[in-house]
Amino acid sequence: MPREGVTLRCSECKMENYITTKNKKTQTEKLEMSKHCHKCNKHTSHKEKK
């Protein structure tokens, strides 16, 4: 299957907060979105972990 699980990491505190899936055949670049970080207690940019 082309859909694989990815982990999103906070860009400020580097805490791994979210797990999601993406289609690796159609989305070849790293996923980045604004999510709430529980450690920072604010919305920050979360990027896909390597």
PDB file of N, CA and C in Angstrom:
ATOM      1  N   MET A   1       0.834  -1.195   0.000  1.00  0.00           N
ATOM      2  CA  MET A   1       0.000   0.000   0.000  1.00  0.00           C
ATOM      3  C   MET A   1       0.876   1.254   0.000  1.00  0.00           C
ATOM      4  N   PRO A   2       0.484   2.289  -0.726  1.00  0.00           N
ATOM      5  CA  PRO A   2       1.286   3.507  -0.759  1.00  0.00           C
ATOM      6  C   PRO A   2       1.131   4.384   0.482  1.00  0.00           C
ATOM      7  N   ARG A   3       0.050   4.235   1.255  1.00  0.00           N
ATOM      8  CA  ARG A   3      -0.125   5.067   2.442  1.00  0.00           C
ATOM      9  C   ARG A   3       0.704   4.504   3.589  1.00  0.00           C
ATOM     10  N   GLU A   4       1.507   5.380   4.192  1.00  0.00           N
ATOM     11  CA  GLU A   4       2.358   4.961   5.303  1.00  0.00           C
ATOM     12  C   GLU A   4       2.214   5.931   6.454  1.00  0.00           C
ATOM     13  N   GLY A   5       2.442   5.445   7.659  1.00  0.00           N
ATOM     14  CA  GLY A   5       2.345   6.280   8.850  1.00  0.00           C
ATOM     15  C   GLY A   5       3.557   7.172   9.007  1.00  0.00           C
ATOM     16  N   VAL A   6       3.325   8.429   9.434  1.00  0.00           N
ATOM     17  CA  VAL A   6       4.407   9.376   9.687  1.00  0.00           C
ATOM     18  C   VAL A   6       4.177  10.018  11.053  1.00  0.00           C
ATOM     19  N   THR A   7       5.268  10.402  11.699  1.00  0.00           N
ATOM     20  CA  THR A   7       5.214  11.061  12.999  1.00  0.00           C
ATOM     21  C   THR A   7       5.535  12.532  12.814  1.00  0.00           C
ATOM     22  N   LEU A   8       4.739  13.405  13.469  1.00  0.00           N
ATOM     23  CA  LEU A   8       4.964  14.845  13.386  1.00  0.00           C
ATOM     24  C   LEU A   8       5.665  15.312  14.649  1.00  0.00           C
ATOM     25  N   ARG A   9       6.712  16.122  14.469  1.00  0.00           N
ATOM     26  CA  ARG A   9       7.541  16.597  15.572  1.00  0.00           C
ATOM     27  C   ARG A   9       7.454  18.121  15.653  1.00  0.00           C
ATOM     28  N   CYS A  10       7.337  18.662  16.870  1.00  0.00           N
ATOM     29  CA  CYS A  10       7.290  20.106  17.086  1.00  0.00           C
ATOM     30  C   CYS A  10       8.630  20.719  16.678  1.00  0.00           C
ATOM     31  N   SER A  11       8.580  21.841  15.946  1.00  0.00           N
ATOM     32  CA  SER A  11       9.819  22.460  15.485  1.00  0.00           C
ATOM     33  C   SER A  11      10.520  23.243  16.593  1.00  0.00           C
ATOM     34  N   GLU A  12       9.833  23.562  17.691  1.00  0.00           N
ATOM     35  CA  GLU A  12      10.447  24.324  18.782  1.00  0.00           C
ATOM     36  C   GLU A  12      11.038  23.428  19.869  1.00  0.00           C
ATOM     37  N   CYS A  13      10.242  22.518  20.406  1.00  0.00           N
ATOM     38  CA  CYS A  13      10.724  21.699  21.527  1.00  0.00           C
ATOM     39  C   CYS A  13      11.129  20.282  21.105  1.00  0.00           C
ATOM     40  N   LYS A  14      10.909  19.915  19.844  1.00  0.00           N
ATOM     41  CA  LYS A  14      11.284  18.613  19.264  1.00  0.00           C
ATOM     42  C   LYS A  14      10.535  17.427  19.874  1.00  0.00           C
ATOM     43  N   MET A  15       9.390  17.685  20.473  1.00  0.00           N
ATOM     44  CA  MET A  15       8.570  16.614  21.044  1.00  0.00           C
ATOM     45  C   MET A  15       7.701  16.000  19.937  1.00  0.00           C
ATOM     46  N   GLU A  16       7.618  14.685  19.888  1.00  0.00           N
ATOM     47  CA  GLU A  16       6.807  13.989  18.890  1.00  0.00           C
ATOM     48  C   GLU A  16       5.388  13.887  19.407  1.00  0.00           C
ATOM     49  N   ASN A  17       4.475  14.655  18.819  1.00  0.00           N
ATOM     50  CA  ASN A  17       3.123  14.777  19.351  1.00  0.00           C
ATOM     51  C   ASN A  17       2.046  14.050  18.564  1.00  0.00           C
ATOM     52  N   TYR A  18       2.172  13.986  17.254  1.00  0.00           N
ATOM     53  CA  TYR A  18       1.087  13.484  16.417  1.00  0.00           C
ATOM     54  C   TYR A  18       1.569  12.392  15.485  1.00  0.00           C
ATOM     55  N   ILE A  19       0.651  11.461  15.162  1.00  0.00           N
ATOM     56  CA  ILE A  19       0.892  10.398  14.187  1.00  0.00           C
ATOM     57  C   ILE A  19      -0.211  10.501  13.152  1.00  0.00           C
ATOM     58  N   THR A  20       0.161  10.494  11.876  1.00  0.00           N
ATOM     59  CA  THR A  20      -0.805  10.584  10.796  1.00  0.00           C
ATOM     60  C   THR A  20      -0.333   9.720   9.638  1.00  0.00           C
ATOM     61  N   THR A  21      -1.095   9.685   8.560  1.00  0.00           N
ATOM     62  CA  THR A  21      -0.708   8.926   7.373  1.00  0.00           C
ATOM     63  C   THR A  21      -0.638   9.869   6.185  1.00  0.00           C
ATOM     64  N   LYS A  22       0.158   9.478   5.191  1.00  0.00           N
ATOM     65  CA  LYS A  22       0.210  10.226   3.934  1.00  0.00           C
ATOM     66  C   LYS A  22       0.498   9.261   2.807  1.00  0.00           C
ATOM     67  N   ASN A  23       0.107   9.651   1.605  1.00  0.00           N
ATOM     68  CA  ASN A  23       0.356   8.856   0.415  1.00  0.00           C
ATOM     69  C   ASN A  23       1.740   9.218  -0.105  1.00  0.00           C
ATOM     70  N   LYS A  24       2.697   8.325   0.025  1.00  0.00           N
ATOM     71  CA  LYS A  24       4.082   8.625  -0.341  1.00  0.00           C
ATOM     72  C   LYS A  24       4.302   8.667  -1.850  1.00  0.00           C
ATOM     73  N   LYS A  25       3.381   8.142  -2.640  1.00  0.00           N
ATOM     74  CA  LYS A  25       3.529   8.215  -4.090  1.00  0.00           C
ATOM     75  C   LYS A  25       3.157   9.598  -4.612  1.00  0.00           C
ATOM     76  N   THR A  26       2.141  10.235  -4.033  1.00  0.00           N
ATOM     77  CA  THR A  26       1.702  11.538  -4.518  1.00  0.00           C
ATOM     78  C   THR A  26       2.331  12.693  -3.756  1.00  0.00           C
ATOM     79  N   GLN A  27       2.711  12.498  -2.495  1.00  0.00           N
ATOM     80  CA  GLN A  27       3.329  13.546  -1.684  1.00  0.00           C
ATOM     81  C   GLN A  27       4.756  13.133  -1.363  1.00  0.00           C
ATOM     82  N   THR A  28       5.688  13.604  -2.164  1.00  0.00           N
ATOM     83  CA  THR A  28       7.076  13.196  -1.958  1.00  0.00           C
ATOM     84  C   THR A  28       7.809  14.111  -0.993  1.00  0.00           C
ATOM     85  N   GLU A  29       7.336  15.361  -0.812  1.00  0.00           N
ATOM     86  CA  GLU A  29       7.997  16.273   0.119  1.00  0.00           C
ATOM     87  C   GLU A  29       7.532  15.987   1.550  1.00  0.00           C
ATOM     88  N   LYS A  30       8.274  16.537   2.528  1.00  0.00           N
ATOM     89  CA  LYS A  30       7.944  16.317   3.936  1.00  0.00           C
ATOM     90  C   LYS A  30       6.691  17.092   4.310  1.00  0.00           C
ATOM     91  N   LEU A  31       5.881  16.478   5.143  1.00  0.00           N
ATOM     92  CA  LEU A  31       4.639  17.074   5.592  1.00  0.00           C
ATOM     93  C   LEU A  31       4.922  18.112   6.676  1.00  0.00           C
ATOM     94  N   GLU A  32       4.252  19.268   6.597  1.00  0.00           N
ATOM     95  CA  GLU A  32       4.409  20.309   7.604  1.00  0.00           C
ATOM     96  C   GLU A  32       3.060  20.971   7.821  1.00  0.00           C
ATOM     97  N   MET A  33       2.645  21.086   9.088  1.00  0.00           N
ATOM     98  CA  MET A  33       1.371  21.728   9.411  1.00  0.00           C
ATOM     99  C   MET A  33       1.422  22.362  10.789  1.00  0.00           C
ATOM    100  N   SER A  34       0.512  23.278  11.032  1.00  0.00           N
ATOM    101  CA  SER A  34       0.437  23.957  12.317  1.00  0.00           C
ATOM    102  C   SER A  34      -0.473  23.164  13.240  1.00  0.00           C
ATOM    103  N   LYS A  35       0.065  22.723  14.362  1.00  0.00           N
ATOM    104  CA  LYS A  35      -0.695  21.933  15.333  1.00  0.00           C
ATOM    105  C   LYS A  35      -0.411  22.464  16.735  1.00  0.00           C
ATOM    106  N   HIS A  36      -1.235  22.064  17.693  1.00  0.00           N
ATOM    107  CA  HIS A  36      -1.039  22.482  19.078  1.00  0.00           C
ATOM    108  C   HIS A  36      -0.048  21.553  19.766  1.00  0.00           C
ATOM    109  N   CYS A  37       0.981  22.147  20.374  1.00  0.00           N
ATOM    110  CA  CYS A  37       1.965  21.379  21.127  1.00  0.00           C
ATOM    111  C   CYS A  37       1.596  21.470  22.602  1.00  0.00           C
ATOM    112  N   HIS A  38       1.464  20.327  23.261  1.00  0.00           N
ATOM    113  CA  HIS A  38       1.057  20.302  24.664  1.00  0.00           C
ATOM    114  C   HIS A  38       2.181  20.744  25.587  1.00  0.00           C
ATOM    115  N   LYS A  39       3.416  20.543  25.186  1.00  0.00           N
ATOM    116  CA  LYS A  39       4.553  20.956  26.007  1.00  0.00           C
ATOM    117  C   LYS A  39       4.772  22.473  25.920  1.00  0.00           C
ATOM    118  N   CYS A  40       4.699  23.030  24.697  1.00  0.00           N
ATOM    119  CA  CYS A  40       4.861  24.482  24.509  1.00  0.00           C
ATOM    120  C   CYS A  40       3.588  25.241  24.877  1.00  0.00           C
ATOM    121  N   ASN A  41       2.450  24.554  24.870  1.00  0.00           N
ATOM    122  CA  ASN A  41       1.130  25.117  25.170  1.00  0.00           C
ATOM    123  C   ASN A  41       0.756  26.228  24.191  1.00  0.00           C
ATOM    124  N   LYS A  42       1.075  26.023  22.895  1.00  0.00           N
ATOM    125  CA  LYS A  42       0.679  26.966  21.853  1.00  0.00           C
ATOM    126  C   LYS A  42       0.735  26.258  20.510  1.00  0.00           C
ATOM    127  N   HIS A  43       0.191  26.899  19.481  1.00  0.00           N
ATOM    128  CA  HIS A  43       0.249  26.356  18.128  1.00  0.00           C
ATOM    129  C   HIS A  43       1.629  26.607  17.545  1.00  0.00           C
ATOM    130  N   THR A  44       2.257  25.541  17.083  1.00  0.00           N
ATOM    131  CA  THR A  44       3.584  25.643  16.479  1.00  0.00           C
ATOM    132  C   THR A  44       3.601  24.834  15.188  1.00  0.00           C
ATOM    133  N   SER A  45       4.638  25.012  14.423  1.00  0.00           N
ATOM    134  CA  SER A  45       4.819  24.260  13.194  1.00  0.00           C
ATOM    135  C   SER A  45       5.304  22.851  13.535  1.00  0.00           C
ATOM    136  N   HIS A  46       4.625  21.856  13.010  1.00  0.00           N
ATOM    137  CA  HIS A  46       5.025  20.461  13.202  1.00  0.00           C
ATOM    138  C   HIS A  46       5.461  19.904  11.862  1.00  0.00           C
ATOM    139  N   LYS A  47       6.648  19.293  11.829  1.00  0.00           N
ATOM    140  CA  LYS A  47       7.198  18.739  10.608  1.00  0.00           C
ATOM    141  C   LYS A  47       7.324  17.227  10.722  1.00  0.00           C
ATOM    142  N   GLU A  48       7.336  16.587   9.586  1.00  0.00           N
ATOM    143  CA  GLU A  48       7.477  15.135   9.541  1.00  0.00           C
ATOM    144  C   GLU A  48       8.860  14.710  10.025  1.00  0.00           C
ATOM    145  N   LYS A  49       8.864  13.729  10.901  1.00  0.00           N
ATOM    146  CA  LYS A  49      10.121  13.185  11.423  1.00  0.00           C
ATOM    147  C   LYS A  49      10.802  12.371  10.341  1.00  0.00           C
ATOM    148  N   LYS A  50      12.134  12.405  10.319  1.00  0.00           N
ATOM    149  CA  LYS A  50      12.909  11.683   9.323  1.00  0.00           C
ATOM    150  C   LYS A  50      12.743  10.188   9.439  1.00  0.00           C
TER     151      LYS A  50
END
